[in-house]
Protein backbone atom coordinates (compact mmCIF):
# COMPACT_ATOMS: atom_id res chain seq x y z
CA UNK A 1 33.20 8.15 -12.53
CA UNK A 2 34.99 5.24 -10.88
CA UNK A 3 32.35 5.10 -8.11
CA UNK A 4 29.55 5.07 -10.69
CA UNK A 5 31.22 2.23 -12.59
CA UNK A 6 31.68 0.28 -9.38
CA UNK A 7 28.00 0.73 -8.50
CA UNK A 8 26.93 -0.39 -11.98
CA UNK A 9 29.19 -3.42 -11.75
CA UNK A 10 27.75 -4.27 -8.34
CA UNK A 11 24.17 -3.99 -9.61
CA UNK A 12 24.99 -6.20 -12.61
CA UNK A 13 26.54 -8.75 -10.25
CA UNK A 14 23.44 -8.86 -8.05
CA UNK A 15 21.20 -9.17 -11.11
CA UNK A 16 23.25 -12.04 -12.49
CA UNK A 17 23.20 -13.68 -9.06
CA UNK A 18 19.41 -13.49 -8.87
CA UNK A 19 18.97 -14.88 -12.38
CA UNK A 20 21.18 -17.82 -11.40
CA UNK A 21 19.36 -18.11 -8.06
CA UNK A 22 15.98 -18.38 -9.79
CA UNK A 23 17.12 -20.89 -12.39
CA UNK A 24 17.94 -23.70 -9.94
CA UNK A 25 15.48 -26.58 -9.65
CA UNK A 26 13.94 -27.29 -6.26
CA UNK A 27 11.44 -29.58 -4.56
CA UNK A 28 13.59 -32.57 -5.42
CA UNK A 29 13.80 -31.63 -9.10
CA UNK A 30 10.04 -32.06 -9.66
CA UNK A 31 9.46 -28.34 -10.14
CA UNK A 32 11.44 -25.39 -11.37
CA UNK A 33 10.95 -22.12 -9.53
CA UNK A 34 10.13 -19.30 -11.93
CA UNK A 35 9.77 -15.78 -10.51
CA UNK A 36 7.08 -13.53 -11.93
CA UNK A 37 5.40 -10.18 -11.37
CA UNK A 38 1.64 -9.66 -11.18
CA UNK A 39 -0.41 -6.44 -11.24
CA UNK A 40 1.65 -4.15 -13.47
CA UNK A 41 0.25 -1.04 -15.18
CA UNK A 42 1.36 0.18 -18.58
CA UNK A 43 0.63 3.31 -20.62
CA UNK A 44 -2.66 1.68 -21.61
CA UNK A 45 -3.96 2.96 -18.25
CA UNK A 46 -2.02 4.84 -15.57
CA UNK A 47 1.43 3.26 -15.87
CA UNK A 48 4.57 5.16 -16.86
CA UNK A 49 6.01 2.58 -19.29
CA UNK A 50 4.77 0.79 -22.37
CA UNK A 51 4.51 -2.99 -22.33
CA UNK A 52 7.77 -3.60 -24.18
CA UNK A 53 9.65 -1.42 -21.71
CA UNK A 54 8.12 -3.32 -18.78
CA UNK A 55 9.14 -6.62 -20.36
CA UNK A 56 12.69 -5.39 -20.89
CA UNK A 57 12.95 -4.16 -17.29
CA UNK A 58 11.64 -7.45 -15.93
CA UNK A 59 14.00 -9.50 -18.07
CA UNK A 60 16.95 -7.43 -16.92
CA UNK A 61 16.07 -8.25 -13.32
CA UNK A 62 15.68 -11.99 -13.78
CA UNK A 63 11.88 -12.28 -13.90
CA UNK A 64 10.41 -14.70 -16.41
CA UNK A 65 6.64 -14.24 -16.01
CA UNK A 66 4.89 -10.90 -16.44
CA UNK A 67 1.15 -10.45 -15.91
CA UNK A 68 -0.13 -7.05 -17.06
CA UNK A 69 -3.21 -5.79 -15.21
CA UNK A 70 -4.13 -2.45 -16.72
CA UNK A 71 -7.46 -0.93 -15.72
CA UNK A 72 -10.19 -2.23 -18.02
CA UNK A 73 -12.35 0.88 -17.53
CA UNK A 74 -11.71 3.94 -15.34
CA UNK A 75 -14.81 6.12 -15.31
CA UNK A 76 -17.17 7.89 -12.95
CA UNK A 77 -20.48 9.38 -13.98
CA UNK A 78 -23.08 11.42 -12.16
CA UNK A 79 -26.37 12.46 -13.73
CA UNK A 80 -29.36 14.54 -12.69
CA UNK A 81 -32.83 12.98 -12.46
CA UNK A 82 -35.01 12.20 -14.30
CA UNK A 83 -32.56 11.96 -17.23
CA UNK A 84 -29.46 10.73 -15.41
CA UNK A 85 -27.97 9.14 -18.53
CA UNK A 86 -28.44 12.29 -20.63
CA UNK A 87 -27.91 15.25 -18.27
CA UNK A 88 -24.67 14.08 -16.71
CA UNK A 89 -21.01 14.71 -16.05
CA UNK A 90 -18.58 11.91 -16.85
CA UNK A 91 -14.86 11.68 -16.15
CA UNK A 92 -12.94 8.87 -17.85
CA UNK A 93 -9.21 8.11 -17.85
CA UNK A 94 -7.07 5.86 -20.02
CA UNK A 95 -7.92 2.19 -19.85
CA UNK A 96 -7.93 -0.99 -21.91
CA UNK A 97 -11.40 -0.40 -23.29
CA UNK A 98 -10.90 3.30 -23.91
CA UNK A 99 -7.64 2.69 -25.78
CA UNK A 100 -9.01 -0.44 -27.49
CA UNK A 101 -8.92 -4.00 -26.15
CA UNK A 102 -7.60 -5.37 -29.45
CA UNK A 103 -4.81 -2.79 -29.47
CA UNK A 104 -3.95 -3.78 -25.90
CA UNK A 105 -3.79 -7.51 -26.67
CA UNK A 106 -1.82 -6.86 -29.86
CA UNK A 107 0.73 -4.83 -27.88
CA UNK A 108 1.20 -7.74 -25.47
CA UNK A 109 1.56 -10.10 -28.43
CA UNK A 110 4.20 -7.86 -30.00
CA UNK A 111 6.17 -7.67 -26.75
CA UNK A 112 5.95 -11.46 -26.43
CA UNK A 113 7.58 -11.86 -29.84
CA UNK A 114 10.33 -9.43 -28.90
CA UNK A 115 10.98 -11.21 -25.57
CA UNK A 116 10.29 -14.90 -26.30
CA UNK A 117 12.03 -16.04 -23.11
CA UNK A 118 9.49 -14.14 -20.95
CA UNK A 119 5.93 -15.37 -20.49
CA UNK A 120 3.56 -12.42 -20.95
CA UNK A 121 -0.06 -12.88 -19.88
CA UNK A 122 -2.80 -10.27 -20.34
CA UNK A 123 -5.18 -9.28 -17.59
CA UNK A 124 -7.00 -6.32 -16.11
CA UNK A 125 -7.95 -4.67 -12.86
CA UNK A 126 -11.71 -4.30 -12.58
CA UNK A 127 -13.83 -1.96 -10.50
CA UNK A 128 -17.12 -3.73 -11.05
CA UNK A 129 -19.39 -1.31 -9.23
CA UNK A 130 -19.79 1.85 -7.16
CA UNK A 131 -22.76 3.86 -5.91
CA UNK A 132 -23.43 7.48 -5.02
CA UNK A 133 -24.69 9.11 -1.84
CA UNK A 134 -24.99 12.79 -1.07
CA UNK A 135 -25.41 15.65 -3.51
CA UNK A 136 -23.09 17.50 -5.86
CA UNK A 137 -24.84 20.78 -5.00
CA UNK A 138 -24.45 20.22 -1.25
CA UNK A 139 -20.77 19.32 -1.79
CA UNK A 140 -21.04 15.94 -0.06
CA UNK A 141 -21.20 13.70 -3.13
CA UNK A 142 -19.52 10.37 -2.27
CA UNK A 143 -18.67 7.38 -4.45
CA UNK A 144 -18.75 4.18 -2.42
CA UNK A 145 -16.79 0.97 -3.15
CA UNK A 146 -15.10 2.24 -6.29
CA UNK A 147 -11.84 0.68 -5.07
CA UNK A 148 -13.14 -2.81 -4.45
CA UNK A 149 -10.92 -4.26 -7.15
CA UNK A 150 -10.59 -7.68 -8.76
CA UNK A 151 -7.68 -8.74 -10.98
CA UNK A 152 -8.55 -10.79 -14.05
CA UNK A 153 -5.86 -12.95 -15.62
CA UNK A 154 -5.65 -14.85 -18.89
CA UNK A 155 -8.54 -13.64 -21.07
CA UNK A 156 -7.34 -13.40 -24.68
CA UNK A 157 -10.17 -11.97 -26.80
CA UNK A 158 -11.02 -8.28 -27.20
CA UNK A 159 -14.72 -8.86 -26.51
CA UNK A 160 -13.81 -10.56 -23.22
CA UNK A 161 -12.82 -7.10 -21.98
CA UNK A 162 -15.38 -5.11 -23.94
CA UNK A 163 -18.25 -7.13 -22.44
CA UNK A 164 -17.02 -7.23 -18.83
CA UNK A 165 -20.06 -6.74 -16.55
CA UNK A 166 -18.87 -3.45 -15.06
CA UNK A 167 -20.41 0.00 -14.98
CA UNK A 168 -19.86 2.20 -18.05
CA UNK A 169 -18.87 -0.70 -20.30
CA UNK A 170 -21.40 0.10 -22.99
CA UNK A 171 -20.34 -2.49 -25.54
CA UNK A 172 -23.10 -5.06 -25.04
CA UNK A 173 -26.86 -5.41 -24.84
CA UNK A 174 -26.90 -8.52 -22.65
CA UNK A 175 -29.11 -6.91 -20.02
CA UNK A 176 -31.38 -4.95 -22.35
CA UNK A 177 -34.14 -7.49 -21.75
CA UNK A 178 -34.65 -6.29 -18.20
CA UNK A 179 -35.54 -2.86 -19.61
CA UNK A 180 -37.91 -4.15 -22.29
CA UNK A 181 -41.25 -3.42 -20.53
CA UNK A 182 -40.35 0.25 -19.97
CA UNK A 183 -38.96 0.65 -23.49
CA UNK A 184 -42.11 -0.89 -25.01
CA UNK A 185 -44.27 1.55 -23.06
CA UNK A 186 -42.33 4.54 -24.41
CA UNK A 187 -42.36 3.08 -27.92
CA UNK A 188 -46.14 2.97 -27.70
CA UNK A 189 -46.25 6.61 -26.57
CA UNK A 190 -43.85 7.41 -29.44
CA UNK A 191 -46.30 5.86 -31.90
CA UNK A 192 -49.20 7.79 -30.36
CA UNK A 193 -47.23 11.04 -30.72
CA UNK A 194 -46.92 10.47 -34.48
CA UNK A 195 -50.72 10.33 -34.82
CA UNK A 196 -51.12 13.43 -32.67
CA UNK A 197 -48.68 15.35 -34.85
CA UNK A 198 -50.63 14.38 -37.98
CA UNK A 199 -53.88 15.76 -36.53
CA UNK A 200 -52.43 19.27 -36.38
CA UNK A 201 -53.34 22.20 -34.21
CA UNK A 202 -53.19 21.71 -30.43
CA UNK A 203 -52.66 17.98 -30.97
CA UNK A 204 -49.51 18.64 -33.01
CA UNK A 205 -47.88 20.54 -30.13
CA UNK A 206 -48.90 17.83 -27.67
CA UNK A 207 -47.59 15.18 -30.04
CA UNK A 208 -44.24 16.94 -30.34
CA UNK A 209 -43.89 17.13 -26.56
CA UNK A 210 -44.80 13.43 -26.20
CA UNK A 211 -42.38 12.54 -29.01
CA UNK A 212 -39.47 14.39 -27.40
CA UNK A 213 -40.16 12.96 -23.93
CA UNK A 214 -40.60 9.41 -25.23
CA UNK A 215 -37.35 9.56 -27.19
CA UNK A 216 -35.56 11.03 -24.16
CA UNK A 217 -36.82 8.27 -21.84
CA UNK A 218 -35.82 5.56 -24.33
CA UNK A 219 -32.33 7.05 -24.65
CA UNK A 220 -32.08 7.48 -20.87
CA UNK A 221 -32.91 3.80 -20.28
CA UNK A 222 -29.47 2.96 -21.70
CA UNK A 223 -30.40 -0.35 -23.38
CA UNK A 224 -26.82 -1.07 -24.52
CA UNK A 225 -25.11 -2.06 -21.28
CA UNK A 226 -22.84 -4.76 -19.88
CA UNK A 227 -24.07 -4.60 -16.29
CA UNK A 228 -27.57 -4.91 -14.81
CA UNK A 229 -26.60 -2.45 -12.07
CA UNK A 230 -26.25 1.32 -11.94
CA UNK A 231 -24.71 3.77 -9.50
CA UNK A 232 -27.96 5.36 -8.32
CA UNK A 233 -29.76 2.61 -6.40
CA UNK A 234 -27.51 2.12 -3.39
CA UNK A 235 -25.33 -0.73 -2.24
CA UNK A 236 -25.95 -3.94 -4.19
CA UNK A 237 -23.95 -6.16 -1.83
CA UNK A 238 -21.67 -8.77 -3.31
CA UNK A 239 -23.81 -9.39 -6.44
CA UNK A 240 -21.87 -7.14 -8.90
CA UNK A 241 -18.57 -8.76 -7.92
CA UNK A 242 -19.87 -12.31 -8.07
CA UNK A 243 -21.26 -11.52 -11.52
CA UNK A 244 -17.78 -10.42 -12.62
CA UNK A 245 -16.12 -13.55 -11.17
CA UNK A 246 -18.62 -15.83 -12.91
CA UNK A 247 -18.17 -13.97 -16.20
CA UNK A 248 -14.38 -14.32 -16.14
CA UNK A 249 -14.64 -18.00 -15.20
CA UNK A 250 -16.93 -18.60 -18.17
CA UNK A 251 -14.22 -17.23 -20.47
CA UNK A 252 -11.40 -19.32 -19.09
CA UNK A 253 -9.84 -16.55 -17.02
CA UNK A 254 -8.85 -16.36 -13.36
CA UNK A 255 -9.86 -13.82 -10.71
CA UNK A 256 -8.00 -12.52 -7.65
CA UNK A 257 -9.28 -10.03 -5.11
CA UNK A 258 -6.74 -7.20 -4.96
CA UNK A 259 -5.66 -5.38 -1.75
CA UNK A 260 -8.75 -6.33 0.34
CA UNK A 261 -7.48 -4.31 3.32
CA UNK A 262 -6.60 -1.11 1.45
CA UNK A 263 -6.18 1.95 3.64
CA UNK A 264 -6.16 4.41 0.75
CA UNK A 265 -9.78 3.90 -0.31
CA UNK A 266 -11.22 6.66 1.90
CA UNK A 267 -10.13 10.14 0.76
CA UNK A 268 -11.13 13.30 -1.04
CA UNK A 269 -10.85 13.15 -4.82
CA UNK A 270 -11.27 16.59 -6.30
CA UNK A 271 -14.82 17.85 -5.72
CA UNK A 272 -16.08 14.45 -4.52
CA UNK A 273 -15.16 11.93 -1.85
CA UNK A 274 -14.42 8.25 -2.36
CA UNK A 275 -15.25 5.77 0.37
CA UNK A 276 -13.94 2.21 0.09
CA UNK A 277 -13.04 0.99 3.59
CA UNK A 278 -11.07 -2.24 4.09
CA UNK A 279 -13.21 -5.16 2.92
CA UNK A 280 -11.63 -8.52 3.87
CA UNK A 281 -15.13 -9.97 4.28
CA UNK A 282 -15.42 -10.27 0.48
CA UNK A 283 -13.17 -13.34 0.64
CA UNK A 284 -15.95 -15.14 2.49
CA UNK A 285 -18.89 -13.53 0.70
CA UNK A 286 -17.82 -14.44 -2.85
CA UNK A 287 -17.28 -17.90 -4.28
CA UNK A 288 -15.51 -19.54 -7.21
CA UNK A 289 -12.78 -16.89 -7.43
CA UNK A 290 -9.19 -18.09 -7.73
CA UNK A 291 -7.43 -16.23 -4.95
CA UNK A 292 -6.41 -12.91 -3.45
CA UNK A 293 -3.46 -10.59 -2.86
CA UNK A 294 -1.79 -12.10 0.21
CA UNK A 295 1.07 -9.58 0.01
CA UNK A 296 1.04 -6.03 -1.32
CA UNK A 297 2.16 -2.58 -0.23
CA UNK A 298 0.08 -2.29 2.95
CA UNK A 299 -0.25 -4.07 6.30
CA UNK A 300 -2.21 -7.31 5.99
CA UNK A 301 -4.13 -9.24 8.63
CA UNK A 302 -6.25 -11.67 6.56
CA UNK A 303 -3.32 -14.12 6.44
CA UNK A 304 -2.87 -14.16 10.21
CA UNK A 305 -3.60 -17.57 11.81
CA UNK A 306 -7.33 -18.05 12.28
CA UNK A 307 -8.31 -14.98 10.26
CA UNK A 308 -10.36 -14.71 7.05
CA UNK A 309 -8.11 -16.81 4.78
CA UNK A 310 -8.08 -19.66 7.28
CA UNK A 311 -11.86 -19.51 7.62
CA UNK A 312 -12.22 -19.81 3.85
CA UNK A 313 -9.75 -22.72 3.66
CA UNK A 314 -11.49 -24.46 6.58
CA UNK A 315 -14.83 -24.09 4.81
CA UNK A 316 -13.26 -25.86 1.81
CA UNK A 317 -11.97 -28.68 4.03
CA UNK A 318 -15.46 -29.06 5.47
CA UNK A 319 -17.03 -29.28 2.01
CA UNK A 320 -18.84 -25.94 2.37
CA UNK A 321 -16.86 -24.35 -0.48
CA UNK A 322 -16.14 -26.00 -3.82
CA UNK A 323 -12.55 -24.84 -4.11
CA UNK A 324 -9.72 -23.39 -2.02
CA UNK A 325 -8.40 -19.89 -2.63
CA UNK A 326 -4.75 -19.09 -3.19
CA UNK A 327 -2.46 -16.23 -2.20
CA UNK A 328 -0.30 -14.20 -4.59
CA UNK A 329 1.86 -11.08 -4.33
CA UNK A 330 0.60 -8.05 -6.27
CA UNK A 331 2.87 -5.17 -7.20
CA UNK A 332 0.43 -2.36 -8.11
CA UNK A 333 3.45 -1.17 -10.11
CA UNK A 334 3.13 2.10 -12.04
CA UNK A 335 6.69 3.42 -12.24
CA UNK A 336 10.11 2.94 -10.73
CA UNK A 337 10.26 4.72 -7.39
CA UNK A 338 6.49 5.20 -7.24
CA UNK A 339 5.39 4.99 -3.57
CA UNK A 340 9.03 4.20 -2.80
CA UNK A 341 8.83 0.86 -4.62
CA UNK A 342 10.75 -0.62 -7.52
CA UNK A 343 10.06 -3.35 -10.03
CA UNK A 344 10.83 -6.65 -8.34
CA UNK A 345 9.77 -5.88 -4.76
CA UNK A 346 6.63 -8.03 -4.97
CA UNK A 347 7.40 -11.27 -6.82
CA UNK A 348 5.17 -14.32 -7.02
CA UNK A 349 7.28 -17.45 -7.54
CA UNK A 350 5.68 -20.22 -9.61
CA UNK A 351 6.41 -23.94 -9.31
CA UNK A 352 6.45 -25.19 -12.89
CA UNK A 353 7.26 -28.54 -14.47
CA UNK A 354 7.67 -26.76 -17.80
CA UNK A 355 8.11 -23.12 -18.64
CA UNK A 356 5.00 -22.23 -20.62
CA UNK A 357 2.01 -19.98 -20.38
CA UNK A 358 -0.30 -22.96 -19.91
CA UNK A 359 1.83 -24.15 -17.00
CA UNK A 360 1.74 -20.70 -15.35
CA UNK A 361 -2.05 -20.56 -15.64
CA UNK A 362 -2.31 -24.06 -14.15
CA UNK A 363 0.00 -23.04 -11.30
CA UNK A 364 -2.20 -20.01 -10.53
CA UNK A 365 -5.32 -22.14 -10.68
CA UNK A 366 -3.91 -24.90 -8.46
CA UNK A 367 -1.89 -23.03 -5.85
CA UNK A 368 1.57 -23.88 -7.20
CA UNK A 369 3.22 -20.62 -6.15
CA UNK A 370 4.30 -18.60 -3.15
CA UNK A 371 4.25 -14.85 -2.50
CA UNK A 372 7.12 -12.64 -1.38
CA UNK A 373 7.49 -9.00 -0.41
CA UNK A 374 11.01 -7.62 -0.14
CA UNK A 375 13.42 -5.08 -1.55
CA UNK A 376 14.96 -5.99 -4.88
CA UNK A 377 17.56 -7.48 -5.40
CA UNK A 378 16.84 -9.44 -2.22
CA UNK A 379 14.59 -12.45 -2.69
CA UNK A 380 13.99 -15.19 -0.14
CA UNK A 381 13.56 -18.55 -1.78
CA UNK A 382 11.32 -21.27 -0.40
CA UNK A 383 13.45 -24.17 -1.61
CA UNK A 384 11.12 -26.73 -0.09
CA UNK A 385 7.80 -26.82 1.67
CA UNK A 386 6.39 -30.33 1.75
CA UNK A 387 4.13 -32.55 3.82
CA UNK A 388 4.69 -36.29 3.65
CA UNK A 389 4.35 -39.62 5.37
CA UNK A 390 7.25 -40.31 7.76
CA UNK A 391 9.00 -42.46 5.12
CA UNK A 392 8.23 -39.86 2.40
CA UNK A 393 6.53 -42.48 0.24
CA UNK A 394 3.61 -40.03 -0.05
CA UNK A 395 4.51 -36.38 -0.45
CA UNK A 396 2.73 -33.16 -1.34
CA UNK A 397 3.80 -29.57 -2.01
CA UNK A 398 1.91 -26.28 -2.25
CA UNK A 399 -1.57 -26.77 -3.67
CA UNK A 400 -1.46 -30.56 -3.37
CA UNK A 401 -3.89 -32.78 -1.51
CA UNK A 402 -2.53 -36.02 -0.10
CA UNK A 403 -3.97 -38.92 1.90
CA UNK A 404 -2.05 -40.19 4.94
CA UNK A 405 -2.57 -43.08 7.33
CA UNK A 406 -0.33 -41.64 10.03
CA UNK A 407 1.03 -38.38 11.43
CA UNK A 408 2.69 -36.11 8.85
CA UNK A 409 6.25 -34.94 8.41
CA UNK A 410 6.89 -31.35 7.32
CA UNK A 411 10.05 -30.19 5.60
CA UNK A 412 10.91 -26.52 5.08
CA UNK A 413 14.00 -25.07 3.43
CA UNK A 414 14.72 -21.37 2.89
CA UNK A 415 17.65 -19.47 1.39
CA UNK A 416 18.44 -15.92 0.28
CA UNK A 417 19.49 -14.40 -3.04
CA UNK A 418 21.68 -11.89 -1.21
CA UNK A 419 23.45 -12.85 2.03
CA UNK A 420 21.71 -11.42 5.07
CA UNK A 421 22.48 -11.33 8.78
CA UNK A 422 18.83 -10.69 9.61
CA UNK A 423 17.16 -13.16 11.91
CA UNK A 424 14.03 -14.64 10.40
CA UNK A 425 10.91 -16.14 11.95
CA UNK A 426 8.97 -18.95 10.29
CA UNK A 427 5.48 -19.81 11.49
CA UNK A 428 3.92 -23.18 10.72
CA UNK A 429 0.13 -23.07 10.67
CA UNK A 430 -2.21 -26.05 10.74
CA UNK A 431 -5.84 -25.36 9.76
CA UNK A 432 -5.72 -21.84 11.18
CA UNK A 433 -3.78 -22.72 14.34
CA UNK A 434 -0.18 -21.63 14.87
CA UNK A 435 1.53 -24.86 15.91
CA UNK A 436 5.24 -23.98 15.83
CA UNK A 437 7.58 -21.03 15.39
CA UNK A 438 11.18 -21.38 14.18
CA UNK A 439 13.79 -18.63 14.44
CA UNK A 440 17.29 -18.36 13.03
CA UNK A 441 19.37 -17.11 10.14
CA UNK A 442 19.35 -18.05 6.49
CA UNK A 443 19.80 -20.57 5.05
CA UNK A 444 17.37 -22.51 7.26
CA UNK A 445 16.40 -26.17 7.21
CA UNK A 446 13.41 -27.46 9.19
CA UNK A 447 12.35 -31.08 9.64
CA UNK A 448 9.25 -31.26 11.80
CA UNK A 449 7.05 -34.19 12.80
CA UNK A 450 3.52 -33.23 13.72
CA UNK A 451 1.89 -35.72 16.09
CA UNK A 452 -1.55 -34.72 14.88
CA UNK A 453 -3.66 -37.54 13.43
CA UNK A 454 -7.45 -37.68 13.20
CA UNK A 455 -8.85 -40.31 10.82
CA UNK A 456 -11.52 -39.00 8.47
CA UNK A 457 -10.55 -35.34 8.89
CA UNK A 458 -9.22 -33.07 6.18
CA UNK A 459 -6.74 -30.38 7.26
CA UNK A 460 -4.06 -28.18 5.71
CA UNK A 461 -0.64 -26.76 6.48
CA UNK A 462 0.77 -23.41 5.40
CA UNK A 463 3.61 -21.17 6.53
CA UNK A 464 4.74 -17.59 6.57
CA UNK A 465 8.10 -15.93 7.14
CA UNK A 466 9.16 -12.50 8.39
CA UNK A 467 12.41 -10.77 9.28
CA UNK A 468 13.95 -10.52 5.82
CA UNK A 469 10.94 -9.35 3.89
CA UNK A 470 7.69 -11.30 4.08
CA UNK A 471 6.86 -14.66 2.52
CA UNK A 472 3.53 -16.49 2.41
CA UNK A 473 3.13 -20.04 1.15
CA UNK A 474 0.00 -21.65 -0.22
CA UNK A 475 -1.55 -24.54 1.69
CA UNK A 476 -0.96 -28.27 1.40
CA UNK A 477 -4.08 -30.33 2.17
CA UNK A 478 -4.01 -33.61 4.07
CA UNK A 479 -6.82 -36.09 4.49
CA UNK A 480 -6.34 -38.78 7.14
CA UNK A 481 -7.60 -42.27 6.45
C-alpha cells in the first residue's frame, strides 16, 4: 500500500509540475504557451471514452486545448451491376453522422460548460473517397485509398458535417444536377409505361416491366448525394480531397492532412483487402489546406531537410502557392494504452496572446504552434525560437514574416518538464537546407548569426529536435530588402 501511495504522490507531483511548466509565459512575454491535444476519438466513433471523460483526463494532465476528431462517416459499400446502389452490401460503424451531428456538437458543448477552463473544439477525420478493384467472388476485392485521411477543425453546425462531400454521406442533393439527363430519360420511360399498362393485354405486361425497370434505375442513380464521385469508376486523383478542403474552407473550418506516410494502410480487413500506401505527395498535389501531421505514431520523412514539406514552403516563398502549410502533432488517441500510447504523448503547443477558442483557431491558421512527440509526463518546451535583425529591433517567431536589411540572428531556447540526462540534437534548417546542428543537454540556449543575405529573396527558417522525444517547429519567413 505504501508503494502505491508513493507512486500516486509521484504522479501527482509530475502532473503539477507540468501544469506549472505550461503556464509560464515565453517569447519575451508576448505569447503564452498553451499545450493542447489534436486528433482524439470519443465514443461517437471508435474511441473508448465519452467527451466529458476525455476532457477530464486532459485537464488532469495539464492540457488546456482539446480538439476532438471523431470519424464523420465510417462506411464501405459494394454493389453488383447494373443496380449497384440497390443490390449491395454495406458495412457502417459508429461515426458523427451515424450518431447525429447535432448530438455530437451538443455533447462537446455540454463538456465545455463542465470544463470552462479547457478550450474544446469540434472536428472530424474524413475519408473523402475510395475505389474498388477486383471481385468479391474471386476473393480479391480491394478498397484503395480509404485511409487517405484529412482532419477538419472548427466547423460548428450540424449540416457542416451532414453535407461533407464524402462517399455515403446521403444528406444532400447538391450533385443531383449531374444526374438529371439520365433521370429525365427514365422518367419519360416511366410515363410511357403508365400508358402501356392502361392499354391492357400484352402491353400491360410490357408496361409493368418498363415501370419496374424505370423505377429501379431512378432509385439506383442515387440523386441525394453529397459527393459527385462513387467507388466504382477507379482512381479520381486528388479531386475528391481538394473538393473536401474547399468545402471546409467555405465553412470557416481548417484542414490538416493526417499521417501522410502511414504504414498501416495496406492490410487484409476481413474478406477484403485495403490498400492505402504512404502518400506524402498529397502535400504538393493539394492546395489551400491548412497543414499536416508533422508528428504522429510512425516514422516520418516529409519533415526531413529538402523533402516534401520544404518543397511546399519553397513554392510559397516563390509565389507559386498562395499560403504556407503548418505542422501539428496528431495523437490518433482511442484509449489509454492503445498501441502503447497514453494521453499526452503527442501535444501541440499553441502560442497565444489570449486563451480563447478564437485565438487557438488563429494560431492553427497562422502557424503559431509547435509539435512534440514524447512520453508523458515528459514535455520539451521550445521557450524561444525567433529570427531578428542583429539589434533585435525587428523580430519574428513561428508563423511570422519579417523584412530584414541585413543578415539575421536566430535565438533558440529549450527546456524540459522533467529533468533528463539525454543528449539532444537541434537542427537549424534554412529553406530546406540543413545549415547547423547543435548538440548538448537541456536546458539549451542557442544564439546564432547566419551570414546569409540575398536582397529581394524570401526564405524561411525552421528547426527540429531529437534525443528526448521529437520536436518540430513551424517556419519563420524572412524577406531581404
